[in-house]
Amino acid sequence: MLRSAKPVNLALQGGGAHGAFTWGVLDRLLEERRIEIGAISGTSAGAMNAVVLASGLEKGGRDGARAALESFWRGVSRDGRLSPIQRGLMDRLLGNWSLDKNPFFLAMDVATRFVSPYDFNPFNINPLRDVLEREVDFEALRRNRDIKIFLSATNVHTGKVRVFPTKEINADVVMASACLPFLFKAVEIDGTPYWDGGYVGNPPLFPFFRSGEGGDILLVQTNPVIREETPQSARDILNRINEITFNASLASEFRAIGFVNRMLGAKILRRITGREVAEVRLHRVEAGEGLLELTSSSKFNVDWSFFEHLRDIGRDAAEAFLIKNYRAIGRRSTLDLRKEAA
């Protein structure tokens, strides 16, 4: 680590194709030699970005990680070219990123409300797995001691979060973290079925504290917290419910961190534990209007031009964060926990 580099732990949300925004944030952070990535927590698309980044770092350092992330998202787009779910000609001409008018997407959207993936996808085909296994050396990843990874998935039987540490991570774990139950069969690991981790931890923050990786946590948030308009279509209503659900666990962790930090300020924890406990400093990079204006169907858009668009938004958001908040890293939180947890 450079003497002047500041250690930061990353917490990466999911969001389907919108995970390309996170790619852009990571791409800019990897350029920034004043920042050193210590550990990563990820869910769904955030889990994929996490393992690709860590695998790239292991093979080729920062430049290797940047190249790996680009290769992964190119692979996702390339494998999706044969899908009938594509933007129409007018949407392309008008720069509309949604799939709202695509008949195949509309048919799939209706079908998933009434038909189980155990019926319409009996062989559990998921091209993302092939891309992951091409891009990530999971054996090398599990041996890596330089960076810790924590991926979350939802235990279908108990409804509780399970966090998989680096030594347990393989392709099954990543696919479990990204398993949308309306599209894919639950992923079984050691006989236990798992769904998308976003339902109970998107992403989980507590693993950083348990492993001693406290300090500064940078949350890369793809799910909007606030929307000014009331959704009216069935699809938009369901999407907003998912956004609220996927942010709920995060809000709970914000409240817990705020409570602990207040006790630290009052020196209560030190009297209870008899030792110093480090304050948790939280920061956030979010897309703002860049993602807020996108419809829910765009989460299934795998056009390379769309991924480039989101990457550029992510890079700009990371750049704005660094300009505004770099000096605060290691000193104080830039995320108002009282406001977020209210």
Protein backbone atom coordinates (compact mmCIF):
# COMPACT_ATOMS: atom_id res chain seq x y z
CA MET A 1 0.00 0.00 0.00
CA LEU A 2 1.23 3.50 -0.80
CA ARG A 3 2.08 5.45 2.34
CA SER A 4 -0.53 8.07 1.49
CA ALA A 5 -3.21 5.58 0.36
CA LYS A 6 -6.33 5.39 2.48
CA PRO A 7 -7.90 1.96 3.10
CA VAL A 8 -11.56 1.66 2.16
CA ASN A 9 -13.95 -1.29 2.34
CA LEU A 10 -16.48 -1.53 -0.47
CA ALA A 11 -20.15 -2.49 -0.11
CA LEU A 12 -21.70 -3.21 -3.52
CA GLN A 13 -25.45 -3.38 -4.10
CA GLY A 14 -27.18 -5.49 -6.73
CA GLY A 15 -29.44 -4.24 -9.50
CA GLY A 16 -29.23 -6.42 -12.61
CA ALA A 17 -27.81 -4.60 -15.62
CA HIS A 18 -27.56 -1.48 -13.47
CA GLY A 19 -24.55 -3.18 -11.90
CA ALA A 20 -22.61 -1.68 -14.81
CA PHE A 21 -22.88 1.60 -12.89
CA THR A 22 -20.91 -0.08 -10.10
CA TRP A 23 -18.36 -1.21 -12.69
CA GLY A 24 -17.82 2.45 -13.57
CA VAL A 25 -17.37 3.42 -9.92
CA LEU A 26 -14.84 0.62 -9.41
CA ASP A 27 -13.02 1.52 -12.62
CA ARG A 28 -12.44 5.06 -11.34
CA LEU A 29 -11.47 3.91 -7.83
CA LEU A 30 -8.91 1.48 -9.25
CA GLU A 31 -7.27 4.43 -11.04
CA GLU A 32 -7.04 6.33 -7.76
CA ARG A 33 -3.71 5.45 -6.12
CA ARG A 34 -4.73 7.35 -2.99
CA ILE A 35 -7.37 4.67 -2.31
CA GLU A 36 -6.60 1.08 -1.28
CA ILE A 37 -9.39 -1.52 -1.29
CA GLY A 38 -9.33 -3.61 1.88
CA ALA A 39 -12.43 -5.82 1.75
CA ILE A 40 -15.60 -6.12 -0.34
CA SER A 41 -19.16 -7.01 0.56
CA GLY A 42 -21.46 -7.71 -2.37
CA THR A 43 -24.92 -8.91 -3.33
CA SER A 44 -26.32 -10.07 -6.68
CA ALA A 45 -24.69 -7.97 -9.43
CA GLY A 46 -22.54 -6.49 -6.66
CA ALA A 47 -21.32 -10.00 -5.86
CA MET A 48 -20.33 -10.50 -9.49
CA ASN A 49 -18.45 -7.22 -9.60
CA ALA A 50 -16.73 -8.17 -6.34
CA VAL A 51 -15.36 -11.53 -7.48
CA VAL A 52 -14.36 -10.23 -10.91
CA LEU A 53 -12.50 -7.30 -9.34
CA ALA A 54 -10.74 -9.50 -6.78
CA SER A 55 -9.79 -12.08 -9.40
CA GLY A 56 -8.40 -9.36 -11.66
CA LEU A 57 -6.40 -7.86 -8.80
CA GLU A 58 -4.91 -11.27 -8.06
CA LYS A 59 -3.82 -11.77 -11.67
CA GLY A 60 -2.71 -8.31 -12.71
CA GLY A 61 -3.07 -5.69 -10.00
CA ARG A 62 -5.19 -2.60 -10.55
CA ASP A 63 -4.88 -2.67 -14.34
CA GLY A 64 -5.74 -6.36 -14.30
CA ALA A 65 -8.85 -5.67 -12.25
CA ARG A 66 -9.99 -2.92 -14.60
CA ALA A 67 -9.46 -5.18 -17.61
CA ALA A 68 -11.29 -8.06 -15.91
CA LEU A 69 -14.33 -5.92 -15.15
CA GLU A 70 -14.54 -4.68 -18.73
CA SER A 71 -14.12 -8.22 -20.06
CA PHE A 72 -16.88 -9.50 -17.77
CA TRP A 73 -19.42 -6.89 -18.82
CA ARG A 74 -18.48 -7.36 -22.49
CA GLY A 75 -19.08 -11.07 -22.00
CA VAL A 76 -22.51 -10.44 -20.48
CA SER A 77 -23.44 -8.25 -23.45
CA ARG A 78 -21.99 -10.65 -26.02
CA ASP A 79 -23.84 -13.66 -24.60
CA GLY A 80 -27.06 -11.65 -24.55
CA ARG A 81 -26.97 -10.68 -28.23
CA LEU A 82 -28.96 -13.73 -29.29
CA SER A 83 -31.72 -13.03 -26.78
CA PRO A 84 -35.03 -11.84 -28.31
CA ILE A 85 -35.28 -9.33 -25.46
CA GLN A 86 -33.68 -6.33 -27.19
CA ARG A 87 -34.51 -2.68 -27.72
CA GLY A 88 -36.51 -1.83 -30.84
CA LEU A 89 -35.22 0.35 -33.66
CA MET A 90 -37.09 3.47 -32.52
CA ASP A 91 -35.85 3.04 -28.95
CA ARG A 92 -32.29 2.89 -30.27
CA LEU A 93 -32.77 5.96 -32.44
CA LEU A 94 -34.33 7.92 -29.58
CA GLY A 95 -31.77 6.79 -26.98
CA ASN A 96 -34.41 5.02 -24.88
CA TRP A 97 -32.80 2.35 -22.70
CA SER A 98 -36.00 0.63 -21.58
CA LEU A 99 -37.47 -2.64 -22.88
CA ASP A 100 -41.04 -1.64 -22.10
CA LYS A 101 -42.19 -2.10 -25.70
CA ASN A 102 -40.40 -5.35 -26.43
CA PRO A 103 -43.05 -8.10 -26.91
CA PHE A 104 -40.75 -10.84 -25.62
CA PHE A 105 -39.97 -8.89 -22.45
CA LEU A 106 -43.67 -8.18 -21.93
CA ALA A 107 -44.48 -11.87 -22.37
CA MET A 108 -41.74 -12.86 -19.92
CA ASP A 109 -42.91 -10.24 -17.44
CA VAL A 110 -46.44 -11.65 -17.48
CA ALA A 111 -45.30 -15.27 -17.46
CA THR A 112 -43.11 -14.87 -14.38
CA ARG A 113 -46.13 -13.71 -12.38
CA PHE A 114 -48.03 -16.93 -13.04
CA VAL A 115 -45.53 -19.62 -14.03
CA SER A 116 -42.73 -21.00 -11.87
CA PRO A 117 -39.13 -21.14 -13.20
CA TYR A 118 -39.35 -24.84 -12.33
CA ASP A 119 -41.84 -25.03 -15.20
CA PHE A 120 -40.66 -22.53 -17.84
CA ASN A 121 -36.91 -22.99 -17.18
CA PRO A 122 -36.67 -26.65 -16.13
CA PHE A 123 -32.98 -26.92 -17.06
CA ASN A 124 -32.21 -23.75 -15.08
CA ILE A 125 -30.31 -22.15 -17.95
CA ASN A 126 -28.43 -19.01 -16.89
CA PRO A 127 -25.79 -17.66 -19.31
CA LEU A 128 -24.30 -15.50 -16.54
CA ARG A 129 -22.77 -18.59 -14.96
CA ASP A 130 -20.80 -19.33 -18.13
CA VAL A 131 -19.49 -15.76 -18.24
CA LEU A 132 -18.47 -15.93 -14.57
CA GLU A 133 -16.62 -19.20 -14.94
CA ARG A 134 -14.75 -17.85 -17.98
CA GLU A 135 -13.69 -14.67 -16.25
CA VAL A 136 -13.02 -15.73 -12.63
CA ASP A 137 -10.43 -18.18 -11.32
CA PHE A 138 -12.30 -19.23 -8.20
CA GLU A 139 -9.51 -21.48 -6.90
CA ALA A 140 -7.04 -18.59 -6.97
CA LEU A 141 -9.68 -16.31 -5.48
CA ARG A 142 -10.16 -18.59 -2.48
CA ARG A 143 -6.39 -18.68 -1.88
CA ASN A 144 -6.07 -14.90 -1.98
CA ARG A 145 -5.21 -13.41 1.43
CA ASP A 146 -4.81 -9.80 0.28
CA ILE A 147 -8.48 -8.96 -0.03
CA LYS A 148 -11.48 -10.30 1.90
CA ILE A 149 -14.83 -10.87 0.20
CA PHE A 150 -18.26 -11.34 1.78
CA LEU A 151 -21.20 -12.37 -0.43
CA SER A 152 -24.78 -12.60 0.83
CA ALA A 153 -27.61 -14.95 -0.12
CA THR A 154 -31.05 -15.59 1.34
CA ASN A 155 -31.72 -18.96 2.96
CA VAL A 156 -35.06 -19.98 1.44
CA HIS A 157 -36.02 -22.17 4.40
CA THR A 158 -35.23 -19.73 7.23
CA GLY A 159 -35.48 -16.38 5.45
CA LYS A 160 -32.16 -15.40 7.05
CA VAL A 161 -29.06 -14.02 5.43
CA ARG A 162 -26.02 -16.20 4.95
CA VAL A 163 -22.73 -14.49 4.32
CA PHE A 164 -20.12 -16.51 2.46
CA PRO A 165 -16.48 -15.53 3.18
CA THR A 166 -13.69 -15.74 0.60
CA LYS A 167 -12.68 -19.32 1.40
CA GLU A 168 -16.21 -20.60 0.59
CA ILE A 169 -16.84 -18.65 -2.60
CA ASN A 170 -17.38 -20.47 -5.89
CA ALA A 171 -19.66 -20.03 -8.90
CA ASP A 172 -22.62 -21.55 -7.01
CA VAL A 173 -22.30 -18.96 -4.23
CA VAL A 174 -22.25 -16.05 -6.69
CA MET A 175 -25.24 -17.44 -8.59
CA ALA A 176 -27.09 -17.95 -5.31
CA SER A 177 -26.46 -14.32 -4.38
CA ALA A 178 -27.98 -13.28 -7.71
CA CYS A 179 -30.83 -15.82 -7.90
CA LEU A 180 -34.09 -14.02 -8.64
CA PRO A 181 -36.76 -16.54 -7.56
CA PHE A 182 -39.19 -15.59 -10.33
CA LEU A 183 -36.61 -16.36 -13.03
CA PHE A 184 -34.39 -19.13 -11.72
CA LYS A 185 -34.58 -22.18 -9.48
CA ALA A 186 -33.12 -21.74 -6.00
CA VAL A 187 -29.41 -22.52 -5.92
CA GLU A 188 -28.61 -25.38 -3.56
CA ILE A 189 -25.39 -25.25 -1.54
CA ASP A 190 -24.72 -28.16 0.81
CA GLY A 191 -28.38 -29.17 0.47
CA THR A 192 -29.76 -25.73 1.39
CA PRO A 193 -31.62 -23.61 -1.21
CA TYR A 194 -30.73 -19.93 -1.60
CA TRP A 195 -32.24 -16.92 -3.35
CA ASP A 196 -30.97 -13.43 -4.13
CA GLY A 197 -29.18 -11.89 -1.14
CA GLY A 198 -30.86 -8.54 -1.74
CA TYR A 199 -33.92 -9.58 0.24
CA VAL A 200 -32.03 -9.69 3.55
CA GLY A 201 -28.72 -7.91 2.97
CA ASN A 202 -28.15 -5.55 0.06
CA PRO A 203 -25.29 -5.49 0.76
CA PRO A 204 -24.54 -6.67 4.33
CA LEU A 205 -22.27 -4.37 6.33
CA PHE A 206 -21.92 -6.36 9.56
CA PRO A 207 -19.27 -8.77 8.17
CA PHE A 208 -16.78 -5.88 8.14
CA PHE A 209 -17.11 -5.47 11.89
CA ARG A 210 -17.01 -9.17 12.73
CA SER A 211 -13.82 -9.66 10.74
CA GLY A 212 -12.11 -6.60 12.16
CA GLU A 213 -12.41 -4.76 8.83
CA GLY A 214 -14.13 -1.69 10.29
CA GLY A 215 -13.04 1.85 9.50
CA ASP A 216 -14.26 3.45 6.28
CA ILE A 217 -17.01 1.75 4.28
CA LEU A 218 -17.92 3.05 0.84
CA LEU A 219 -21.40 1.97 -0.23
CA VAL A 220 -22.07 1.86 -3.97
CA GLN A 221 -25.84 2.15 -4.16
CA THR A 222 -27.81 1.29 -7.29
CA ASN A 223 -31.33 1.05 -5.81
CA PRO A 224 -32.94 4.49 -5.38
CA VAL A 225 -34.00 5.30 -1.83
CA ILE A 226 -36.41 8.08 -2.76
CA ARG A 227 -38.70 8.39 -5.79
CA GLU A 228 -40.82 11.51 -6.15
CA GLU A 229 -43.43 9.93 -8.44
CA THR A 230 -45.99 7.32 -7.41
CA PRO A 231 -45.69 4.19 -9.60
CA GLN A 232 -48.89 3.31 -11.43
CA SER A 233 -48.19 0.40 -13.75
CA ALA A 234 -48.08 -3.10 -12.26
CA ARG A 235 -44.44 -3.48 -13.28
CA ASP A 236 -43.39 -0.18 -11.74
CA ILE A 237 -45.30 -0.92 -8.54
CA LEU A 238 -43.54 -4.28 -8.22
CA ASN A 239 -40.19 -2.64 -8.97
CA ARG A 240 -40.74 -0.02 -6.26
CA ILE A 241 -41.70 -2.73 -3.77
CA ASN A 242 -38.45 -4.52 -4.61
CA GLU A 243 -36.45 -1.31 -4.19
CA ILE A 244 -37.98 -0.69 -0.77
CA THR A 245 -37.45 -4.31 0.25
CA PHE A 246 -33.86 -4.37 -0.99
CA ASN A 247 -33.05 -1.15 0.89
CA ALA A 248 -34.83 -2.12 4.14
CA SER A 249 -32.03 -4.30 5.52
CA LEU A 250 -29.54 -1.56 4.72
CA ALA A 251 -31.58 0.99 6.67
CA SER A 252 -31.59 -1.38 9.66
CA GLU A 253 -27.82 -1.62 9.54
CA PHE A 254 -27.57 2.17 9.30
CA ARG A 255 -29.55 2.44 12.53
CA ALA A 256 -27.32 -0.14 14.25
CA ILE A 257 -24.13 1.59 13.15
CA GLY A 258 -25.46 4.96 14.24
CA PHE A 259 -26.33 3.54 17.66
CA VAL A 260 -22.86 2.02 18.09
CA ASN A 261 -21.15 5.23 17.00
CA ARG A 262 -23.19 7.21 19.51
CA MET A 263 -22.14 4.84 22.29
CA LEU A 264 -18.55 5.21 21.16
CA GLY A 265 -18.90 8.94 21.38
CA ALA A 266 -20.13 8.57 24.93
CA LYS A 267 -17.35 6.05 25.65
CA ILE A 268 -19.95 3.53 26.80
CA LEU A 269 -18.62 0.66 24.70
CA ARG A 270 -15.10 1.11 25.99
CA ARG A 271 -16.37 0.82 29.57
CA ILE A 272 -18.40 -2.29 28.68
CA THR A 273 -15.76 -4.12 26.59
CA GLY A 274 -12.65 -2.79 28.31
CA ARG A 275 -11.00 -2.09 24.96
CA GLU A 276 -10.96 0.49 22.23
CA VAL A 277 -13.57 0.03 19.49
CA ALA A 278 -13.05 1.85 16.20
CA GLU A 279 -15.77 4.13 14.91
CA VAL A 280 -17.37 3.12 11.63
CA ARG A 281 -17.22 5.82 8.98
CA LEU A 282 -19.75 5.47 6.18
CA HIS A 283 -19.65 6.99 2.72
CA ARG A 284 -21.82 6.53 -0.36
CA VAL A 285 -21.62 6.81 -4.12
CA GLU A 286 -25.00 6.82 -5.82
CA ALA A 287 -26.13 7.53 -9.36
CA GLY A 288 -28.84 10.04 -8.56
CA GLU A 289 -30.83 11.09 -11.63
CA GLY A 290 -28.64 8.89 -13.83
CA LEU A 291 -30.44 5.74 -12.71
CA LEU A 292 -33.60 7.29 -11.30
CA GLU A 293 -34.89 8.11 -14.77
CA LEU A 294 -34.48 4.51 -15.99
CA THR A 295 -37.47 2.17 -15.98
CA SER A 296 -37.35 -1.21 -14.25
CA SER A 297 -37.19 -3.08 -17.57
CA SER A 298 -33.76 -1.55 -18.26
CA LYS A 299 -32.32 -3.89 -15.60
CA PHE A 300 -32.60 -6.57 -18.32
CA ASN A 301 -30.98 -4.49 -21.06
CA VAL A 302 -27.64 -6.06 -22.04
CA ASP A 303 -26.72 -3.70 -24.90
CA TRP A 304 -23.03 -2.87 -24.76
CA SER A 305 -23.85 0.79 -25.42
CA PHE A 306 -26.09 0.75 -22.33
CA PHE A 307 -23.32 -0.76 -20.20
CA GLU A 308 -20.92 1.92 -21.46
CA HIS A 309 -23.49 4.59 -20.60
CA LEU A 310 -23.84 3.26 -17.04
CA ARG A 311 -20.08 2.85 -16.68
CA ASP A 312 -19.56 6.49 -17.59
CA ILE A 313 -22.22 7.59 -15.09
CA GLY A 314 -20.45 5.48 -12.45
CA ARG A 315 -17.05 6.96 -13.22
CA ASP A 316 -18.47 10.48 -13.01
CA ALA A 317 -20.18 9.69 -9.69
CA ALA A 318 -16.96 8.28 -8.24
CA GLU A 319 -15.00 11.29 -9.45
CA ALA A 320 -17.50 13.66 -7.83
CA PHE A 321 -17.29 11.69 -4.59
CA LEU A 322 -13.48 11.83 -4.52
CA ILE A 323 -13.38 15.56 -5.22
CA LYS A 324 -15.91 16.30 -2.50
CA ASN A 325 -15.11 13.72 0.16
CA TYR A 326 -11.58 12.32 -0.18
CA ARG A 327 -10.26 14.35 2.74
CA ALA A 328 -13.02 13.01 4.99
CA ILE A 329 -11.95 9.39 4.49
CA GLY A 330 -10.24 8.21 7.66
CA ARG A 331 -11.64 11.17 9.60
CA ARG A 332 -15.43 11.24 9.54
CA SER A 333 -18.53 9.84 7.85
CA THR A 334 -19.95 11.70 4.88
CA LEU A 335 -23.25 9.78 5.04
CA ASP A 336 -25.77 11.23 7.49
CA LEU A 337 -26.93 8.12 9.35
CA ARG A 338 -29.60 9.95 11.35
CA LYS A 339 -31.22 11.11 8.12
CA GLU A 340 -30.88 7.74 6.37
CA ALA A 341 -32.28 5.73 9.28
CA ALA A 342 -35.13 8.11 10.09
